Amino acid sequence: SKKLQSDEKVTLLDVRDRFDALIERHPSAAEYLAADASVVKSPAFENACVKVLLGKEMELTGYDHELLAAFATPVSSRCSGGLLEGKPPPTCKTSQGMQCRAGN
């Protein structure tokens, strides 16, 4: 727990992997650690983040982009103005270093 809270380089995907390993060892934990567990505020947001972390940005829906837009920053100076118009730029990078591309 402290490792997850203190390591700034830990991604959501790392946490998900650790939770999956814990569930394998202690199946009863699945109810509390599943992606759709009652403590997960937004399963759709978590799923969108995992798509990006797995390199499946092209599978992001318009709604996924809306969920992630607040965390996006331009990858280069060529990505300009998209967020001001309510749309993500053609390519963006989230504050956690995740890249996403506009599409779907």
PDB file of N, CA and C in Angstrom:
ATOM      1  N   SER A   1       0.819  -1.195   0.000  1.00  0.00           N
ATOM      2  CA  SER A   1       0.000   0.000   0.000  1.00  0.00           C
ATOM      3  C   SER A   1       0.865   1.262   0.000  1.00  0.00           C
ATOM      4  N   LYS A   2       1.852   1.324   0.909  1.00  0.00           N
ATOM      5  CA  LYS A   2       2.711   2.509   0.952  1.00  0.00           C
ATOM      6  C   LYS A   2       3.525   2.644  -0.323  1.00  0.00           C
ATOM      7  N   LYS A   3       3.939   1.521  -0.904  1.00  0.00           N
ATOM      8  CA  LYS A   3       4.700   1.548  -2.156  1.00  0.00           C
ATOM      9  C   LYS A   3       3.855   2.201  -3.252  1.00  0.00           C
ATOM     10  N   LEU A   4       2.595   1.818  -3.341  1.00  0.00           N
ATOM     11  CA  LEU A   4       1.715   2.381  -4.366  1.00  0.00           C
ATOM     12  C   LEU A   4       1.487   3.872  -4.149  1.00  0.00           C
ATOM     13  N   GLN A   5       1.422   4.289  -2.909  1.00  0.00           N
ATOM     14  CA  GLN A   5       1.146   5.689  -2.602  1.00  0.00           C
ATOM     15  C   GLN A   5       2.375   6.575  -2.743  1.00  0.00           C
ATOM     16  N   SER A   6       3.570   6.017  -2.569  1.00  0.00           N
ATOM     17  CA  SER A   6       4.770   6.847  -2.545  1.00  0.00           C
ATOM     18  C   SER A   6       5.555   6.861  -3.855  1.00  0.00           C
ATOM     19  N   ASP A   7       5.371   5.886  -4.699  1.00  0.00           N
ATOM     20  CA  ASP A   7       6.150   5.797  -5.933  1.00  0.00           C
ATOM     21  C   ASP A   7       5.461   6.583  -7.041  1.00  0.00           C
ATOM     22  N   GLU A   8       6.049   7.703  -7.435  1.00  0.00           N
ATOM     23  CA  GLU A   8       5.445   8.551  -8.464  1.00  0.00           C
ATOM     24  C   GLU A   8       5.467   7.912  -9.842  1.00  0.00           C
ATOM     25  N   LYS A   9       6.280   6.876 -10.026  1.00  0.00           N
ATOM     26  CA  LYS A   9       6.388   6.239 -11.334  1.00  0.00           C
ATOM     27  C   LYS A   9       5.387   5.099 -11.513  1.00  0.00           C
ATOM     28  N   VAL A  10       4.589   4.806 -10.506  1.00  0.00           N
ATOM     29  CA  VAL A  10       3.599   3.740 -10.595  1.00  0.00           C
ATOM     30  C   VAL A  10       2.414   4.240 -11.414  1.00  0.00           C
ATOM     31  N   THR A  11       2.040   3.478 -12.433  1.00  0.00           N
ATOM     32  CA  THR A  11       0.902   3.847 -13.273  1.00  0.00           C
ATOM     33  C   THR A  11      -0.332   3.062 -12.851  1.00  0.00           C
ATOM     34  N   LEU A  12      -1.463   3.451 -13.380  1.00  0.00           N
ATOM     35  CA  LEU A  12      -2.701   2.727 -13.125  1.00  0.00           C
ATOM     36  C   LEU A  12      -2.574   1.281 -13.592  1.00  0.00           C
ATOM     37  N   LEU A  13      -1.865   1.066 -14.686  1.00  0.00           N
ATOM     38  CA  LEU A  13      -1.661  -0.289 -15.186  1.00  0.00           C
ATOM     39  C   LEU A  13      -0.828  -1.110 -14.205  1.00  0.00           C
ATOM     40  N   ASP A  14       0.199  -0.515 -13.595  1.00  0.00           N
ATOM     41  CA  ASP A  14       0.995  -1.208 -12.577  1.00  0.00           C
ATOM     42  C   ASP A  14       0.110  -1.624 -11.402  1.00  0.00           C
ATOM     43  N   VAL A  15      -0.731  -0.714 -10.972  1.00  0.00           N
ATOM     44  CA  VAL A  15      -1.631  -0.999  -9.854  1.00  0.00           C
ATOM     45  C   VAL A  15      -2.585  -2.124 -10.222  1.00  0.00           C
ATOM     46  N   ARG A  16      -3.136  -2.054 -11.427  1.00  0.00           N
ATOM     47  CA  ARG A  16      -4.056  -3.096 -11.880  1.00  0.00           C
ATOM     48  C   ARG A  16      -3.357  -4.456 -11.889  1.00  0.00           C
ATOM     49  N   ASP A  17      -2.100  -4.498 -12.382  1.00  0.00           N
ATOM     50  CA  ASP A  17      -1.332  -5.747 -12.396  1.00  0.00           C
ATOM     51  C   ASP A  17      -1.120  -6.282 -10.984  1.00  0.00           C
ATOM     52  N   ARG A  18      -0.808  -5.400 -10.051  1.00  0.00           N
ATOM     53  CA  ARG A  18      -0.599  -5.826  -8.657  1.00  0.00           C
ATOM     54  C   ARG A  18      -1.899  -6.334  -8.044  1.00  0.00           C
ATOM     55  N   PHE A  19      -2.987  -5.652  -8.341  1.00  0.00           N
ATOM     56  CA  PHE A  19      -4.279  -6.107  -7.839  1.00  0.00           C
ATOM     57  C   PHE A  19      -4.632  -7.476  -8.419  1.00  0.00           C
ATOM     58  N   ASP A  20      -4.379  -7.674  -9.713  1.00  0.00           N
ATOM     59  CA  ASP A  20      -4.669  -8.970 -10.334  1.00  0.00           C
ATOM     60  C   ASP A  20      -3.855 -10.081  -9.687  1.00  0.00           C
ATOM     61  N   ALA A  21      -2.577  -9.811  -9.376  1.00  0.00           N
ATOM     62  CA  ALA A  21      -1.730 -10.807  -8.712  1.00  0.00           C
ATOM     63  C   ALA A  21      -2.255 -11.104  -7.308  1.00  0.00           C
ATOM     64  N   LEU A  22      -2.697 -10.079  -6.613  1.00  0.00           N
ATOM     65  CA  LEU A  22      -3.253 -10.268  -5.276  1.00  0.00           C
ATOM     66  C   LEU A  22      -4.534 -11.100  -5.334  1.00  0.00           C
ATOM     67  N   ILE A  23      -5.356 -10.849  -6.337  1.00  0.00           N
ATOM     68  CA  ILE A  23      -6.603 -11.606  -6.501  1.00  0.00           C
ATOM     69  C   ILE A  23      -6.309 -13.074  -6.771  1.00  0.00           C
ATOM     70  N   GLU A  24      -5.242 -13.360  -7.540  1.00  0.00           N
ATOM     71  CA  GLU A  24      -4.860 -14.756  -7.788  1.00  0.00           C
ATOM     72  C   GLU A  24      -4.521 -15.463  -6.485  1.00  0.00           C
ATOM     73  N   ARG A  25      -3.819 -14.765  -5.597  1.00  0.00           N
ATOM     74  CA  ARG A  25      -3.411 -15.359  -4.320  1.00  0.00           C
ATOM     75  C   ARG A  25      -4.553 -15.390  -3.320  1.00  0.00           C
ATOM     76  N   HIS A  26      -5.431 -14.408  -3.380  1.00  0.00           N
ATOM     77  CA  HIS A  26      -6.544 -14.283  -2.431  1.00  0.00           C
ATOM     78  C   HIS A  26      -7.821 -13.969  -3.212  1.00  0.00           C
ATOM     79  N   PRO A  27      -8.468 -14.991  -3.779  1.00  0.00           N
ATOM     80  CA  PRO A  27      -9.647 -14.769  -4.628  1.00  0.00           C
ATOM     81  C   PRO A  27     -10.759 -13.945  -3.973  1.00  0.00           C
ATOM     82  N   SER A  28     -10.870 -14.005  -2.658  1.00  0.00           N
ATOM     83  CA  SER A  28     -11.932 -13.240  -1.995  1.00  0.00           C
ATOM     84  C   SER A  28     -11.724 -11.727  -2.126  1.00  0.00           C
ATOM     85  N   ALA A  29     -10.513 -11.308  -2.453  1.00  0.00           N
ATOM     86  CA  ALA A  29     -10.229  -9.877  -2.622  1.00  0.00           C
ATOM     87  C   ALA A  29     -10.823  -9.326  -3.919  1.00  0.00           C
ATOM     88  N   ALA A  30     -11.205 -10.199  -4.829  1.00  0.00           N
ATOM     89  CA  ALA A  30     -11.723  -9.768  -6.136  1.00  0.00           C
ATOM     90  C   ALA A  30     -12.918  -8.829  -5.999  1.00  0.00           C
ATOM     91  N   GLU A  31     -13.770  -9.103  -5.048  1.00  0.00           N
ATOM     92  CA  GLU A  31     -14.958  -8.271  -4.835  1.00  0.00           C
ATOM     93  C   GLU A  31     -14.582  -6.814  -4.548  1.00  0.00           C
ATOM     94  N   TYR A  32     -13.445  -6.607  -3.907  1.00  0.00           N
ATOM     95  CA  TYR A  32     -13.027  -5.267  -3.500  1.00  0.00           C
ATOM     96  C   TYR A  32     -12.056  -4.599  -4.472  1.00  0.00           C
ATOM     97  N   LEU A  33     -11.371  -5.401  -5.296  1.00  0.00           N
ATOM     98  CA  LEU A  33     -10.329  -4.862  -6.168  1.00  0.00           C
ATOM     99  C   LEU A  33     -10.666  -4.917  -7.651  1.00  0.00           C
ATOM    100  N   ALA A  34     -11.813  -5.438  -7.998  1.00  0.00           N
ATOM    101  CA  ALA A  34     -12.201  -5.550  -9.406  1.00  0.00           C
ATOM    102  C   ALA A  34     -12.350  -4.162 -10.028  1.00  0.00           C
ATOM    103  N   ALA A  35     -12.179  -4.092 -11.335  1.00  0.00           N
ATOM    104  CA  ALA A  35     -12.301  -2.811 -12.042  1.00  0.00           C
ATOM    105  C   ALA A  35     -13.676  -2.183 -11.854  1.00  0.00           C
ATOM    106  N   ASP A  36     -14.676  -3.015 -11.587  1.00  0.00           N
ATOM    107  CA  ASP A  36     -16.031  -2.497 -11.394  1.00  0.00           C
ATOM    108  C   ASP A  36     -16.496  -2.613  -9.934  1.00  0.00           C
ATOM    109  N   ALA A  37     -15.544  -2.688  -9.001  1.00  0.00           N
ATOM    110  CA  ALA A  37     -15.884  -2.775  -7.579  1.00  0.00           C
ATOM    111  C   ALA A  37     -16.616  -1.509  -7.144  1.00  0.00           C
ATOM    112  N   SER A  38     -17.357  -1.615  -6.060  1.00  0.00           N
ATOM    113  CA  SER A  38     -18.161  -0.477  -5.609  1.00  0.00           C
ATOM    114  C   SER A  38     -17.310   0.735  -5.233  1.00  0.00           C
ATOM    115  N   VAL A  39     -16.035   0.541  -4.901  1.00  0.00           N
ATOM    116  CA  VAL A  39     -15.172   1.674  -4.546  1.00  0.00           C
ATOM    117  C   VAL A  39     -14.653   2.427  -5.766  1.00  0.00           C
ATOM    118  N   VAL A  40     -14.811   1.857  -6.952  1.00  0.00           N
ATOM    119  CA  VAL A  40     -14.350   2.520  -8.175  1.00  0.00           C
ATOM    120  C   VAL A  40     -15.389   3.573  -8.550  1.00  0.00           C
ATOM    121  N   LYS A  41     -14.969   4.816  -8.519  1.00  0.00           N
ATOM    122  CA  LYS A  41     -15.907   5.909  -8.780  1.00  0.00           C
ATOM    123  C   LYS A  41     -16.395   5.904 -10.220  1.00  0.00           C
ATOM    124  N   SER A  42     -15.483   5.635 -11.171  1.00  0.00           N
ATOM    125  CA  SER A  42     -15.858   5.658 -12.577  1.00  0.00           C
ATOM    126  C   SER A  42     -15.181   4.518 -13.337  1.00  0.00           C
ATOM    127  N   PRO A  43     -15.860   3.375 -13.456  1.00  0.00           N
ATOM    128  CA  PRO A  43     -15.282   2.272 -14.230  1.00  0.00           C
ATOM    129  C   PRO A  43     -14.970   2.683 -15.670  1.00  0.00           C
ATOM    130  N   ALA A  44     -15.778   3.559 -16.248  1.00  0.00           N
ATOM    131  CA  ALA A  44     -15.534   4.002 -17.628  1.00  0.00           C
ATOM    132  C   ALA A  44     -14.216   4.768 -17.719  1.00  0.00           C
ATOM    133  N   PHE A  45     -13.925   5.612 -16.729  1.00  0.00           N
ATOM    134  CA  PHE A  45     -12.662   6.354 -16.707  1.00  0.00           C
ATOM    135  C   PHE A  45     -11.493   5.388 -16.550  1.00  0.00           C
ATOM    136  N   GLU A  46     -11.620   4.436 -15.639  1.00  0.00           N
ATOM    137  CA  GLU A  46     -10.544   3.462 -15.443  1.00  0.00           C
ATOM    138  C   GLU A  46     -10.303   2.676 -16.726  1.00  0.00           C
ATOM    139  N   ASN A  47     -11.371   2.258 -17.389  1.00  0.00           N
ATOM    140  CA  ASN A  47     -11.219   1.511 -18.644  1.00  0.00           C
ATOM    141  C   ASN A  47     -10.546   2.357 -19.722  1.00  0.00           C
ATOM    142  N   ALA A  48     -10.891   3.640 -19.799  1.00  0.00           N
ATOM    143  CA  ALA A  48     -10.259   4.530 -20.784  1.00  0.00           C
ATOM    144  C   ALA A  48      -8.765   4.672 -20.495  1.00  0.00           C
ATOM    145  N   CYS A  49      -8.410   4.827 -19.230  1.00  0.00           N
ATOM    146  CA  CYS A  49      -6.992   4.926 -18.848  1.00  0.00           C
ATOM    147  C   CYS A  49      -6.239   3.659 -19.217  1.00  0.00           C
ATOM    148  N   VAL A  50      -6.835   2.516 -18.949  1.00  0.00           N
ATOM    149  CA  VAL A  50      -6.172   1.246 -19.247  1.00  0.00           C
ATOM    150  C   VAL A  50      -5.977   1.085 -20.750  1.00  0.00           C
ATOM    151  N   LYS A  51      -6.945   1.509 -21.560  1.00  0.00           N
ATOM    152  CA  LYS A  51      -6.772   1.452 -23.022  1.00  0.00           C
ATOM    153  C   LYS A  51      -5.524   2.222 -23.430  1.00  0.00           C
ATOM    154  N   VAL A  52      -5.351   3.412 -22.877  1.00  0.00           N
ATOM    155  CA  VAL A  52      -4.186   4.233 -23.215  1.00  0.00           C
ATOM    156  C   VAL A  52      -2.908   3.558 -22.741  1.00  0.00           C
ATOM    157  N   LEU A  53      -2.905   3.057 -21.513  1.00  0.00           N
ATOM    158  CA  LEU A  53      -1.713   2.415 -20.963  1.00  0.00           C
ATOM    159  C   LEU A  53      -1.315   1.164 -21.735  1.00  0.00           C
ATOM    160  N   LEU A  54      -2.293   0.486 -22.320  1.00  0.00           N
ATOM    161  CA  LEU A  54      -2.011  -0.719 -23.110  1.00  0.00           C
ATOM    162  C   LEU A  54      -1.669  -0.392 -24.561  1.00  0.00           C
ATOM    163  N   GLY A  55      -1.645   0.897 -24.897  1.00  0.00           N
ATOM    164  CA  GLY A  55      -1.324   1.288 -26.265  1.00  0.00           C
ATOM    165  C   GLY A  55      -2.482   1.116 -27.228  1.00  0.00           C
ATOM    166  N   LYS A  56      -3.697   1.093 -26.715  1.00  0.00           N
ATOM    167  CA  LYS A  56      -4.890   0.898 -27.547  1.00  0.00           C
ATOM    168  C   LYS A  56      -5.649   2.213 -27.716  1.00  0.00           C
ATOM    169  N   GLU A  57      -4.897   3.305 -27.948  1.00  0.00           N
ATOM    170  CA  GLU A  57      -5.520   4.614 -28.066  1.00  0.00           C
ATOM    171  C   GLU A  57      -6.547   4.682 -29.180  1.00  0.00           C
ATOM    172  N   MET A  58      -6.319   3.924 -30.237  1.00  0.00           N
ATOM    173  CA  MET A  58      -7.241   3.959 -31.373  1.00  0.00           C
ATOM    174  C   MET A  58      -8.605   3.368 -31.018  1.00  0.00           C
ATOM    175  N   GLU A  59      -8.697   2.654 -29.899  1.00  0.00           N
ATOM    176  CA  GLU A  59      -9.975   2.088 -29.456  1.00  0.00           C
ATOM    177  C   GLU A  59     -10.772   3.060 -28.589  1.00  0.00           C
ATOM    178  N   LEU A  60     -10.187   4.215 -28.263  1.00  0.00           N
ATOM    179  CA  LEU A  60     -10.891   5.182 -27.428  1.00  0.00           C
ATOM    180  C   LEU A  60     -12.109   5.729 -28.161  1.00  0.00           C
ATOM    181  N   THR A  61     -13.216   5.770 -27.465  1.00  0.00           N
ATOM    182  CA  THR A  61     -14.437   6.342 -28.024  1.00  0.00           C
ATOM    183  C   THR A  61     -14.436   7.848 -27.772  1.00  0.00           C
ATOM    184  N   GLY A  62     -15.390   8.530 -28.348  1.00  0.00           N
ATOM    185  CA  GLY A  62     -15.533   9.954 -28.081  1.00  0.00           C
ATOM    186  C   GLY A  62     -15.743  10.217 -26.598  1.00  0.00           C
ATOM    187  N   TYR A  63     -16.524   9.364 -25.949  1.00  0.00           N
ATOM    188  CA  TYR A  63     -16.770   9.508 -24.509  1.00  0.00           C
ATOM    189  C   TYR A  63     -15.485   9.290 -23.720  1.00  0.00           C
ATOM    190  N   ASP A  64     -14.664   8.309 -24.129  1.00  0.00           N
ATOM    191  CA  ASP A  64     -13.373   8.076 -23.475  1.00  0.00           C
ATOM    192  C   ASP A  64     -12.517   9.340 -23.549  1.00  0.00           C
ATOM    193  N   HIS A  65     -12.491   9.977 -24.724  1.00  0.00           N
ATOM    194  CA  HIS A  65     -11.722  11.213 -24.890  1.00  0.00           C
ATOM    195  C   HIS A  65     -12.242  12.302 -23.957  1.00  0.00           C
ATOM    196  N   GLU A  66     -13.551  12.391 -23.802  1.00  0.00           N
ATOM    197  CA  GLU A  66     -14.121  13.381 -22.887  1.00  0.00           C
ATOM    198  C   GLU A  66     -13.643  13.130 -21.462  1.00  0.00           C
ATOM    199  N   LEU A  67     -13.632  11.851 -21.055  1.00  0.00           N
ATOM    200  CA  LEU A  67     -13.206  11.502 -19.702  1.00  0.00           C
ATOM    201  C   LEU A  67     -11.738  11.838 -19.457  1.00  0.00           C
ATOM    202  N   LEU A  68     -10.911  11.697 -20.480  1.00  0.00           N
ATOM    203  CA  LEU A  68      -9.469  11.901 -20.338  1.00  0.00           C
ATOM    204  C   LEU A  68      -9.019  13.319 -20.667  1.00  0.00           C
ATOM    205  N   ALA A  69      -9.876  14.116 -21.273  1.00  0.00           N
ATOM    206  CA  ALA A  69      -9.479  15.438 -21.776  1.00  0.00           C
ATOM    207  C   ALA A  69      -8.857  16.327 -20.700  1.00  0.00           C
ATOM    208  N   ALA A  70      -9.356  16.272 -19.489  1.00  0.00           N
ATOM    209  CA  ALA A  70      -8.830  17.131 -18.424  1.00  0.00           C
ATOM    210  C   ALA A  70      -7.384  16.796 -18.069  1.00  0.00           C
ATOM    211  N   PHE A  71      -6.923  15.615 -18.448  1.00  0.00           N
ATOM    212  CA  PHE A  71      -5.571  15.174 -18.112  1.00  0.00           C
ATOM    213  C   PHE A  71      -4.612  15.277 -19.295  1.00  0.00           C
ATOM    214  N   ALA A  72      -5.085  15.760 -20.415  1.00  0.00           N
ATOM    215  CA  ALA A  72      -4.280  15.791 -21.636  1.00  0.00           C
ATOM    216  C   ALA A  72      -3.439  17.059 -21.720  1.00  0.00           C
ATOM    217  N   THR A  73      -2.228  16.891 -22.236  1.00  0.00           N
ATOM    218  CA  THR A  73      -1.352  18.016 -22.550  1.00  0.00           C
ATOM    219  C   THR A  73      -0.766  17.754 -23.924  1.00  0.00           C
ATOM    220  N   PRO A  74      -0.473  18.786 -24.697  1.00  0.00           N
ATOM    221  CA  PRO A  74       0.086  18.569 -26.037  1.00  0.00           C
ATOM    222  C   PRO A  74       1.426  17.843 -25.989  1.00  0.00           C
ATOM    223  N   VAL A  75       1.641  16.949 -26.956  1.00  0.00           N
ATOM    224  CA  VAL A  75       2.904  16.234 -27.077  1.00  0.00           C
ATOM    225  C   VAL A  75       3.937  17.147 -27.712  1.00  0.00           C
ATOM    226  N   SER A  76       3.527  17.941 -28.685  1.00  0.00           N
ATOM    227  CA  SER A  76       4.446  18.858 -29.354  1.00  0.00           C
ATOM    228  C   SER A  76       3.716  20.151 -29.659  1.00  0.00           C
ATOM    229  N   SER A  77       4.465  21.131 -30.148  1.00  0.00           N
ATOM    230  CA  SER A  77       3.851  22.420 -30.463  1.00  0.00           C
ATOM    231  C   SER A  77       2.881  22.314 -31.633  1.00  0.00           C
ATOM    232  N   ARG A  78       2.947  21.232 -32.386  1.00  0.00           N
ATOM    233  CA  ARG A  78       2.016  21.057 -33.513  1.00  0.00           C
ATOM    234  C   ARG A  78       0.610  20.721 -33.031  1.00  0.00           C
ATOM    235  N   CYS A  79       0.464  20.313 -31.781  1.00  0.00           N
ATOM    236  CA  CYS A  79      -0.849  20.017 -31.206  1.00  0.00           C
ATOM    237  C   CYS A  79      -1.357  21.299 -30.564  1.00  0.00           C
ATOM    238  N   SER A  80      -2.099  22.064 -31.289  1.00  0.00           N
ATOM    239  CA  SER A  80      -2.530  23.336 -30.721  1.00  0.00           C
ATOM    240  C   SER A  80      -4.030  23.498 -30.773  1.00  0.00           C
ATOM    241  N   GLY A  81      -4.563  24.099 -29.746  1.00  0.00           N
ATOM    242  CA  GLY A  81      -5.923  24.585 -29.739  1.00  0.00           C
ATOM    243  C   GLY A  81      -7.043  23.585 -29.598  1.00  0.00           C
ATOM    244  N   GLY A  82      -6.805  22.307 -29.731  1.00  0.00           N
ATOM    245  CA  GLY A  82      -7.887  21.339 -29.720  1.00  0.00           C
ATOM    246  C   GLY A  82      -8.723  21.371 -28.461  1.00  0.00           C
ATOM    247  N   LEU A  83      -8.072  21.411 -27.309  1.00  0.00           N
ATOM    248  CA  LEU A  83      -8.813  21.365 -26.058  1.00  0.00           C
ATOM    249  C   LEU A  83      -9.652  22.615 -25.846  1.00  0.00           C
ATOM    250  N   LEU A  84      -9.217  23.750 -26.376  1.00  0.00           N
ATOM    251  CA  LEU A  84      -9.997  24.968 -26.220  1.00  0.00           C
ATOM    252  C   LEU A  84     -11.323  24.874 -26.958  1.00  0.00           C
ATOM    253  N   GLU A  85     -11.374  24.049 -27.963  1.00  0.00           N
ATOM    254  CA  GLU A  85     -12.599  23.873 -28.734  1.00  0.00           C
ATOM    255  C   GLU A  85     -13.435  22.710 -28.208  1.00  0.00           C
ATOM    256  N   GLY A  86     -13.049  22.146 -27.071  1.00  0.00           N
ATOM    257  CA  GLY A  86     -13.782  21.035 -26.492  1.00  0.00           C
ATOM    258  C   GLY A  86     -13.448  19.699 -27.107  1.00  0.00           C
ATOM    259  N   LYS A  87     -12.398  19.654 -27.918  1.00  0.00           N
ATOM    260  CA  LYS A  87     -11.975  18.404 -28.547  1.00  0.00           C
ATOM    261  C   LYS A  87     -10.515  18.169 -28.208  1.00  0.00           C
ATOM    262  N   PRO A  88     -10.123  16.914 -28.003  1.00  0.00           N
ATOM    263  CA  PRO A  88      -8.705  16.679 -27.761  1.00  0.00           C
ATOM    264  C   PRO A  88      -7.909  16.964 -29.026  1.00  0.00           C
ATOM    265  N   PRO A  89      -6.638  17.377 -28.894  1.00  0.00           N
ATOM    266  CA  PRO A  89      -5.818  17.575 -30.081  1.00  0.00           C
ATOM    267  C   PRO A  89      -5.581  16.249 -30.781  1.00  0.00           C
ATOM    268  N   PRO A  90      -5.105  16.262 -32.033  1.00  0.00           N
ATOM    269  CA  PRO A  90      -4.897  15.014 -32.767  1.00  0.00           C
ATOM    270  C   PRO A  90      -4.061  14.008 -31.992  1.00  0.00           C
ATOM    271  N   THR A  91      -3.044  14.465 -31.295  1.00  0.00           N
ATOM    272  CA  THR A  91      -2.254  13.605 -30.422  1.00  0.00           C
ATOM    273  C   THR A  91      -2.036  14.366 -29.132  1.00  0.00           C
ATOM    274  N   CYS A  92      -2.253  13.725 -28.013  1.00  0.00           N
ATOM    275  CA  CYS A  92      -2.044  14.396 -26.745  1.00  0.00           C
ATOM    276  C   CYS A  92      -1.403  13.434 -25.766  1.00  0.00           C
ATOM    277  N   LYS A  93      -0.873  13.983 -24.693  1.00  0.00           N
ATOM    278  CA  LYS A  93      -0.254  13.168 -23.657  1.00  0.00           C
ATOM    279  C   LYS A  93      -0.871  13.586 -22.337  1.00  0.00           C
ATOM    280  N   THR A  94      -1.279  12.616 -21.534  1.00  0.00           N
ATOM    281  CA  THR A  94      -1.880  12.931 -20.250  1.00  0.00           C
ATOM    282  C   THR A  94      -0.802  13.322 -19.267  1.00  0.00           C
ATOM    283  N   SER A  95      -1.214  13.830 -18.119  1.00  0.00           N
ATOM    284  CA  SER A  95      -0.259  14.246 -17.099  1.00  0.00           C
ATOM    285  C   SER A  95       0.538  13.069 -16.557  1.00  0.00           C
ATOM    286  N   GLN A  96       0.079  11.861 -16.766  1.00  0.00           N
ATOM    287  CA  GLN A  96       0.804  10.672 -16.323  1.00  0.00           C
ATOM    288  C   GLN A  96       1.700  10.121 -17.419  1.00  0.00           C
ATOM    289  N   GLY A  97       1.836  10.855 -18.527  1.00  0.00           N
ATOM    290  CA  GLY A  97       2.700  10.413 -19.614  1.00  0.00           C
ATOM    291  C   GLY A  97       2.003   9.520 -20.619  1.00  0.00           C
ATOM    292  N   MET A  98       0.689   9.354 -20.487  1.00  0.00           N
ATOM    293  CA  MET A  98      -0.053   8.511 -21.412  1.00  0.00           C
ATOM    294  C   MET A  98      -0.376   9.311 -22.662  1.00  0.00           C
ATOM    295  N   GLN A  99      -0.237   8.697 -23.812  1.00  0.00           N
ATOM    296  CA  GLN A  99      -0.593   9.372 -25.052  1.00  0.00           C
ATOM    297  C   GLN A  99      -1.981   8.933 -25.491  1.00  0.00           C
ATOM    298  N   CYS A 100      -2.702   9.837 -26.086  1.00  0.00           N
ATOM    299  CA  CYS A 100      -3.981   9.471 -26.688  1.00  0.00           C
ATOM    300  C   CYS A 100      -4.105  10.224 -28.000  1.00  0.00           C
ATOM    301  N   ARG A 101      -4.875   9.694 -28.902  1.00  0.00           N
ATOM    302  CA  ARG A 101      -5.080  10.323 -30.205  1.00  0.00           C
ATOM    303  C   ARG A 101      -6.566  10.527 -30.428  1.00  0.00           C
ATOM    304  N   ALA A 102      -6.893  11.650 -31.005  1.00  0.00           N
ATOM    305  CA  ALA A 102      -8.291  11.904 -31.336  1.00  0.00           C
ATOM    306  C   ALA A 102      -8.715  10.948 -32.432  1.00  0.00           C
ATOM    307  N   GLY A 103      -9.941  10.615 -32.460  1.00  0.00           N
ATOM    308  CA  GLY A 103     -10.466   9.699 -33.460  1.00  0.00           C
ATOM    309  C   GLY A 103     -11.892   9.391 -33.113  1.00  0.00           C
ATOM    310  N   ASN A 104     -12.253   8.141 -33.195  1.00  0.00           N
ATOM    311  CA  ASN A 104     -13.564   7.602 -32.830  1.00  0.00           C
ATOM    312  C   ASN A 104     -14.520   8.684 -32.435  1.00  0.00           C
TER     313      ASN A 104
END
